[in-house]
PDB file of all heavy atoms in Angstrom:
ATOM      1  N   GLY A   1      32.509  72.032  22.195  1.00  0.00           N
ATOM      2  CA  GLY A   1      33.513  72.513  21.275  1.00  0.00           C
ATOM      3  C   GLY A   1      34.896  71.912  21.398  1.00  0.00           C
ATOM      4  O   GLY A   1      35.886  72.459  20.915  1.00  0.00           O
ATOM      5  N   LEU A   2      34.972  70.763  22.087  1.00  0.00           N
ATOM      6  CA  LEU A   2      36.295  70.106  22.278  1.00  0.00           C
ATOM      7  C   LEU A   2      36.461  68.915  21.335  1.00  0.00           C
ATOM      8  O   LEU A   2      35.520  68.377  20.788  1.00  0.00           O
ATOM      9  CB  LEU A   2      36.387  69.620  23.741  1.00  0.00           C
ATOM     10  CG  LEU A   2      36.363  70.709  24.787  1.00  0.00           C
ATOM     11  CD1 LEU A   2      36.369  70.108  26.187  1.00  0.00           C
ATOM     12  CD2 LEU A   2      37.504  71.710  24.619  1.00  0.00           C
ATOM     13  N   LYS A   3      37.741  68.542  21.108  1.00  0.00           N
ATOM     14  CA  LYS A   3      38.031  67.402  20.325  1.00  0.00           C
ATOM     15  C   LYS A   3      38.089  66.181  21.241  1.00  0.00           C
ATOM     16  O   LYS A   3      38.549  66.251  22.362  1.00  0.00           O
ATOM     17  CB  LYS A   3      39.411  67.537  19.631  1.00  0.00           C
ATOM     18  CG  LYS A   3      39.457  68.724  18.647  1.00  0.00           C
ATOM     19  CD  LYS A   3      40.879  68.874  18.053  1.00  0.00           C
ATOM     20  CE  LYS A   3      40.947  70.020  17.096  1.00  0.00           C
ATOM     21  NZ  LYS A   3      42.348  70.235  16.576  1.00  0.00           N
ATOM     22  N   VAL A   4      37.617  65.052  20.723  1.00  0.00           N
ATOM     23  CA  VAL A   4      37.572  63.834  21.528  1.00  0.00           C
ATOM     24  C   VAL A   4      38.174  62.674  20.739  1.00  0.00           C
ATOM     25  O   VAL A   4      37.858  62.474  19.590  1.00  0.00           O
ATOM     26  CB  VAL A   4      36.106  63.448  21.951  1.00  0.00           C
ATOM     27  CG1 VAL A   4      36.120  62.285  22.877  1.00  0.00           C
ATOM     28  CG2 VAL A   4      35.446  64.628  22.565  1.00  0.00           C
ATOM     29  N   GLU A   5      39.039  61.928  21.401  1.00  0.00           N
ATOM     30  CA  GLU A   5      39.580  60.751  20.803  1.00  0.00           C
ATOM     31  C   GLU A   5      39.185  59.530  21.678  1.00  0.00           C
ATOM     32  O   GLU A   5      39.569  59.539  22.879  1.00  0.00           O
ATOM     33  CB  GLU A   5      41.102  60.819  20.620  1.00  0.00           C
ATOM     34  CG  GLU A   5      41.665  59.614  19.879  1.00  0.00           C
ATOM     35  CD  GLU A   5      43.165  59.753  19.617  1.00  0.00           C
ATOM     36  OE1 GLU A   5      43.703  60.888  19.703  1.00  0.00           O
ATOM     37  OE2 GLU A   5      43.821  58.731  19.338  1.00  0.00           O
ATOM     38  N   LYS A   6      38.507  58.573  21.128  1.00  0.00           N
ATOM     39  CA  LYS A   6      38.082  57.403  21.888  1.00  0.00           C
ATOM     40  C   LYS A   6      39.262  56.423  21.952  1.00  0.00           C
ATOM     41  O   LYS A   6      39.674  55.890  20.904  1.00  0.00           O
ATOM     42  CB  LYS A   6      36.864  56.746  21.253  1.00  0.00           C
ATOM     43  CG  LYS A   6      35.672  57.654  21.180  1.00  0.00           C
ATOM     44  CD  LYS A   6      34.546  57.034  20.394  1.00  0.00           C
ATOM     45  CE  LYS A   6      33.312  57.988  20.282  1.00  0.00           C
ATOM     46  NZ  LYS A   6      32.210  57.385  19.470  1.00  0.00           N
ATOM     47  N   LEU A   7      39.822  56.213  23.135  1.00  0.00           N
ATOM     48  CA  LEU A   7      41.017  55.423  23.280  1.00  0.00           C
ATOM     49  C   LEU A   7      40.759  53.958  23.577  1.00  0.00           C
ATOM     50  O   LEU A   7      41.698  53.162  23.600  1.00  0.00           O
ATOM     51  CB  LEU A   7      41.928  56.006  24.375  1.00  0.00           C
ATOM     52  CG  LEU A   7      42.301  57.468  24.235  1.00  0.00           C
ATOM     53  CD1 LEU A   7      43.215  57.926  25.360  1.00  0.00           C
ATOM     54  CD2 LEU A   7      42.979  57.719  22.876  1.00  0.00           C
ATOM     55  N   GLY A   8      39.508  53.594  23.865  1.00  0.00           N
ATOM     56  CA  GLY A   8      39.247  52.178  24.200  1.00  0.00           C
ATOM     57  C   GLY A   8      40.000  51.726  25.427  1.00  0.00           C
ATOM     58  O   GLY A   8      40.182  52.523  26.385  1.00  0.00           O
ATOM     59  N   ARG A   9      40.477  50.518  25.391  1.00  0.00           N
ATOM     60  CA  ARG A   9      41.261  49.985  26.551  1.00  0.00           C
ATOM     61  C   ARG A   9      42.567  50.686  26.673  1.00  0.00           C
ATOM     62  O   ARG A   9      43.157  50.756  27.808  1.00  0.00           O
ATOM     63  CB  ARG A   9      41.472  48.460  26.380  1.00  0.00           C
ATOM     64  CG  ARG A   9      40.254  47.625  26.632  1.00  0.00           C
ATOM     65  CD  ARG A   9      39.807  47.725  28.073  1.00  0.00           C
ATOM     66  NE  ARG A   9      40.827  47.349  29.025  1.00  0.00           N
ATOM     67  CZ  ARG A   9      40.798  47.588  30.329  1.00  0.00           C
ATOM     68  NH1 ARG A   9      39.827  48.258  30.834  1.00  0.00           N
ATOM     69  NH2 ARG A   9      41.785  47.166  31.086  1.00  0.00           N
ATOM     70  N   SER A  10      43.144  51.213  25.607  1.00  0.00           N
ATOM     71  CA  SER A  10      44.368  51.998  25.648  1.00  0.00           C
ATOM     72  C   SER A  10      45.584  51.238  26.184  1.00  0.00           C
ATOM     73  O   SER A  10      45.566  50.049  26.428  1.00  0.00           O
ATOM     74  CB  SER A  10      44.166  53.278  26.411  1.00  0.00           C
ATOM     75  OG  SER A  10      45.193  54.231  26.133  1.00  0.00           O
ATOM     76  N   SER A  11      46.689  51.956  26.383  1.00  0.00           N
ATOM     77  CA  SER A  11      47.913  51.388  26.916  1.00  0.00           C
ATOM     78  C   SER A  11      48.674  52.453  27.641  1.00  0.00           C
ATOM     79  O   SER A  11      48.357  53.648  27.575  1.00  0.00           O
ATOM     80  CB  SER A  11      48.808  50.874  25.733  1.00  0.00           C
ATOM     81  OG  SER A  11      49.199  51.993  24.937  1.00  0.00           O
ATOM     82  N   ALA A  12      49.669  52.033  28.424  1.00  0.00           N
ATOM     83  CA  ALA A  12      50.466  52.966  29.222  1.00  0.00           C
ATOM     84  C   ALA A  12      51.142  54.004  28.264  1.00  0.00           C
ATOM     85  O   ALA A  12      51.143  55.216  28.536  1.00  0.00           O
ATOM     86  CB  ALA A  12      51.510  52.247  29.993  1.00  0.00           C
ATOM     87  N   LYS A  13      51.636  53.509  27.148  1.00  0.00           N
ATOM     88  CA  LYS A  13      52.320  54.404  26.193  1.00  0.00           C
ATOM     89  C   LYS A  13      51.370  55.470  25.613  1.00  0.00           C
ATOM     90  O   LYS A  13      51.722  56.621  25.488  1.00  0.00           O
ATOM     91  CB  LYS A  13      52.920  53.573  25.083  1.00  0.00           C
ATOM     92  CG  LYS A  13      53.760  54.371  24.075  1.00  0.00           C
ATOM     93  CD  LYS A  13      54.398  53.454  23.050  1.00  0.00           C
ATOM     94  CE  LYS A  13      55.253  54.247  22.063  1.00  0.00           C
ATOM     95  NZ  LYS A  13      55.857  53.346  21.012  1.00  0.00           N
ATOM     96  N   GLU A  14      50.169  55.055  25.288  1.00  0.00           N
ATOM     97  CA  GLU A  14      49.219  55.957  24.698  1.00  0.00           C
ATOM     98  C   GLU A  14      48.707  56.966  25.739  1.00  0.00           C
ATOM     99  O   GLU A  14      48.599  58.152  25.398  1.00  0.00           O
ATOM    100  CB  GLU A  14      48.026  55.179  24.119  1.00  0.00           C
ATOM    101  CG  GLU A  14      47.043  56.037  23.336  1.00  0.00           C
ATOM    102  CD  GLU A  14      45.995  55.206  22.615  1.00  0.00           C
ATOM    103  OE1 GLU A  14      45.606  54.115  23.120  1.00  0.00           O
ATOM    104  OE2 GLU A  14      45.561  55.627  21.516  1.00  0.00           O
ATOM    105  N   LEU A  15      48.442  56.559  26.933  1.00  0.00           N
ATOM    106  CA  LEU A  15      48.015  57.478  27.958  1.00  0.00           C
ATOM    107  C   LEU A  15      49.134  58.498  28.238  1.00  0.00           C
ATOM    108  O   LEU A  15      48.868  59.694  28.387  1.00  0.00           O
ATOM    109  CB  LEU A  15      47.647  56.738  29.257  1.00  0.00           C
ATOM    110  CG  LEU A  15      46.365  55.925  29.223  1.00  0.00           C
ATOM    111  CD1 LEU A  15      46.125  55.278  30.613  1.00  0.00           C
ATOM    112  CD2 LEU A  15      45.154  56.752  28.828  1.00  0.00           C
ATOM    113  N   GLU A  16      50.368  58.022  28.338  1.00  0.00           N
ATOM    114  CA  GLU A  16      51.519  58.947  28.561  1.00  0.00           C
ATOM    115  C   GLU A  16      51.617  59.930  27.439  1.00  0.00           C
ATOM    116  O   GLU A  16      51.890  61.128  27.715  1.00  0.00           O
ATOM    117  CB  GLU A  16      52.774  58.116  28.713  1.00  0.00           C
ATOM    118  CG  GLU A  16      52.916  57.301  29.965  1.00  0.00           C
ATOM    119  CD  GLU A  16      54.109  56.341  29.960  1.00  0.00           C
ATOM    120  OE1 GLU A  16      54.783  56.282  28.906  1.00  0.00           O
ATOM    121  OE2 GLU A  16      54.287  55.644  30.981  1.00  0.00           O
ATOM    122  N   LYS A  17      51.379  59.526  26.216  1.00  0.00           N
ATOM    123  CA  LYS A  17      51.493  60.423  25.049  1.00  0.00           C
ATOM    124  C   LYS A  17      50.485  61.574  25.187  1.00  0.00           C
ATOM    125  O   LYS A  17      50.803  62.761  25.009  1.00  0.00           O
ATOM    126  CB  LYS A  17      51.244  59.663  23.776  1.00  0.00           C
ATOM    127  CG  LYS A  17      51.326  60.515  22.532  1.00  0.00           C
ATOM    128  CD  LYS A  17      50.856  59.752  21.275  1.00  0.00           C
ATOM    129  CE  LYS A  17      49.320  59.570  21.285  1.00  0.00           C
ATOM    130  NZ  LYS A  17      48.849  58.931  20.028  1.00  0.00           N
ATOM    131  N   HIS A  18      49.222  61.246  25.477  1.00  0.00           N
ATOM    132  CA  HIS A  18      48.154  62.283  25.580  1.00  0.00           C
ATOM    133  C   HIS A  18      48.406  63.175  26.760  1.00  0.00           C
ATOM    134  O   HIS A  18      48.287  64.424  26.645  1.00  0.00           O
ATOM    135  CB  HIS A  18      46.845  61.588  25.654  1.00  0.00           C
ATOM    136  CG  HIS A  18      46.326  61.078  24.340  1.00  0.00           C
ATOM    137  ND1 HIS A  18      45.828  61.887  23.333  1.00  0.00           N
ATOM    138  CD2 HIS A  18      46.287  59.835  23.853  1.00  0.00           C
ATOM    139  CE1 HIS A  18      45.476  61.118  22.294  1.00  0.00           C
ATOM    140  NE2 HIS A  18      45.720  59.860  22.593  1.00  0.00           N
ATOM    141  N   LEU A  19      48.763  62.597  27.919  1.00  0.00           N
ATOM    142  CA  LEU A  19      48.915  63.410  29.120  1.00  0.00           C
ATOM    143  C   LEU A  19      50.128  64.350  29.010  1.00  0.00           C
ATOM    144  O   LEU A  19      50.164  65.454  29.492  1.00  0.00           O
ATOM    145  CB  LEU A  19      49.035  62.515  30.351  1.00  0.00           C
ATOM    146  CG  LEU A  19      47.757  61.718  30.688  1.00  0.00           C
ATOM    147  CD1 LEU A  19      48.015  60.760  31.819  1.00  0.00           C
ATOM    148  CD2 LEU A  19      46.605  62.655  31.021  1.00  0.00           C
ATOM    149  N   SER A  20      51.158  63.851  28.344  1.00  0.00           N
ATOM    150  CA  SER A  20      52.381  64.664  28.108  1.00  0.00           C
ATOM    151  C   SER A  20      52.120  65.811  27.149  1.00  0.00           C
ATOM    152  O   SER A  20      52.881  66.842  27.136  1.00  0.00           O
ATOM    153  CB  SER A  20      53.537  63.781  27.598  1.00  0.00           C
ATOM    154  OG  SER A  20      53.881  62.783  28.546  1.00  0.00           O
ATOM    155  N   SER A  21      51.098  65.621  26.296  1.00  0.00           N
ATOM    156  CA  SER A  21      50.777  66.672  25.315  1.00  0.00           C
ATOM    157  C   SER A  21      49.779  67.700  25.854  1.00  0.00           C
ATOM    158  O   SER A  21      49.369  68.619  25.143  1.00  0.00           O
ATOM    159  CB  SER A  21      50.137  66.007  24.087  1.00  0.00           C
ATOM    160  OG  SER A  21      51.026  65.096  23.498  1.00  0.00           O
ATOM    161  N   GLY A  22      49.448  67.588  27.159  1.00  0.00           N
ATOM    162  CA  GLY A  22      48.524  68.557  27.749  1.00  0.00           C
ATOM    163  C   GLY A  22      47.078  68.188  27.582  1.00  0.00           C
ATOM    164  O   GLY A  22      46.201  69.017  27.916  1.00  0.00           O
ATOM    165  N   HIS A  23      46.826  67.037  27.009  1.00  0.00           N
ATOM    166  CA  HIS A  23      45.391  66.623  26.900  1.00  0.00           C
ATOM    167  C   HIS A  23      44.919  66.102  28.221  1.00  0.00           C
ATOM    168  O   HIS A  23      45.700  65.641  29.080  1.00  0.00           O
ATOM    169  CB  HIS A  23      45.285  65.470  25.846  1.00  0.00           C
ATOM    170  CG  HIS A  23      45.699  65.834  24.468  1.00  0.00           C
ATOM    171  ND1 HIS A  23      45.804  64.929  23.473  1.00  0.00           N
ATOM    172  CD2 HIS A  23      46.065  67.069  23.910  1.00  0.00           C
ATOM    173  CE1 HIS A  23      46.237  65.567  22.358  1.00  0.00           C
ATOM    174  NE2 HIS A  23      46.384  66.843  22.646  1.00  0.00           N
ATOM    175  N   LEU A  24      43.622  66.195  28.435  1.00  0.00           N
ATOM    176  CA  LEU A  24      42.982  65.569  29.603  1.00  0.00           C
ATOM    177  C   LEU A  24      42.387  64.291  29.131  1.00  0.00           C
ATOM    178  O   LEU A  24      41.910  64.174  27.997  1.00  0.00           O
ATOM    179  CB  LEU A  24      41.932  66.512  30.198  1.00  0.00           C
ATOM    180  CG  LEU A  24      42.414  67.846  30.710  1.00  0.00           C
ATOM    181  CD1 LEU A  24      41.252  68.627  31.282  1.00  0.00           C
ATOM    182  CD2 LEU A  24      43.540  67.677  31.742  1.00  0.00           C
ATOM    183  N   VAL A  25      42.393  63.246  29.961  1.00  0.00           N
ATOM    184  CA  VAL A  25      41.802  61.978  29.688  1.00  0.00           C
ATOM    185  C   VAL A  25      40.755  61.673  30.711  1.00  0.00           C
ATOM    186  O   VAL A  25      41.025  61.563  31.905  1.00  0.00           O
ATOM    187  CB  VAL A  25      42.877  60.824  29.624  1.00  0.00           C
ATOM    188  CG1 VAL A  25      42.160  59.478  29.415  1.00  0.00           C
ATOM    189  CG2 VAL A  25      43.899  61.110  28.595  1.00  0.00           C
ATOM    190  N   ILE A  26      39.468  61.549  30.280  1.00  0.00           N
ATOM    191  CA  ILE A  26      38.413  61.155  31.168  1.00  0.00           C
ATOM    192  C   ILE A  26      38.318  59.635  31.183  1.00  0.00           C
ATOM    193  O   ILE A  26      38.352  58.999  30.103  1.00  0.00           O
ATOM    194  CB  ILE A  26      37.073  61.787  30.757  1.00  0.00           C
ATOM    195  CG1 ILE A  26      37.203  63.308  30.791  1.00  0.00           C
ATOM    196  CG2 ILE A  26      35.934  61.345  31.656  1.00  0.00           C
ATOM    197  CD1 ILE A  26      35.946  64.084  30.368  1.00  0.00           C
ATOM    198  N   ALA A  27      38.246  59.073  32.333  1.00  0.00           N
ATOM    199  CA  ALA A  27      38.211  57.584  32.473  1.00  0.00           C
ATOM    200  C   ALA A  27      37.065  57.151  33.304  1.00  0.00           C
ATOM    201  O   ALA A  27      36.607  57.844  34.225  1.00  0.00           O
ATOM    202  CB  ALA A  27      39.538  57.097  33.135  1.00  0.00           C
TER     203      ALA A  27
END
């Protein structure tokens, strides 16, 4: 029941945005 966003290779800015928003990022 969770929302998932596939970030691919991503970037520092994108990871910071998600983590600052309280999201968890599985790597």
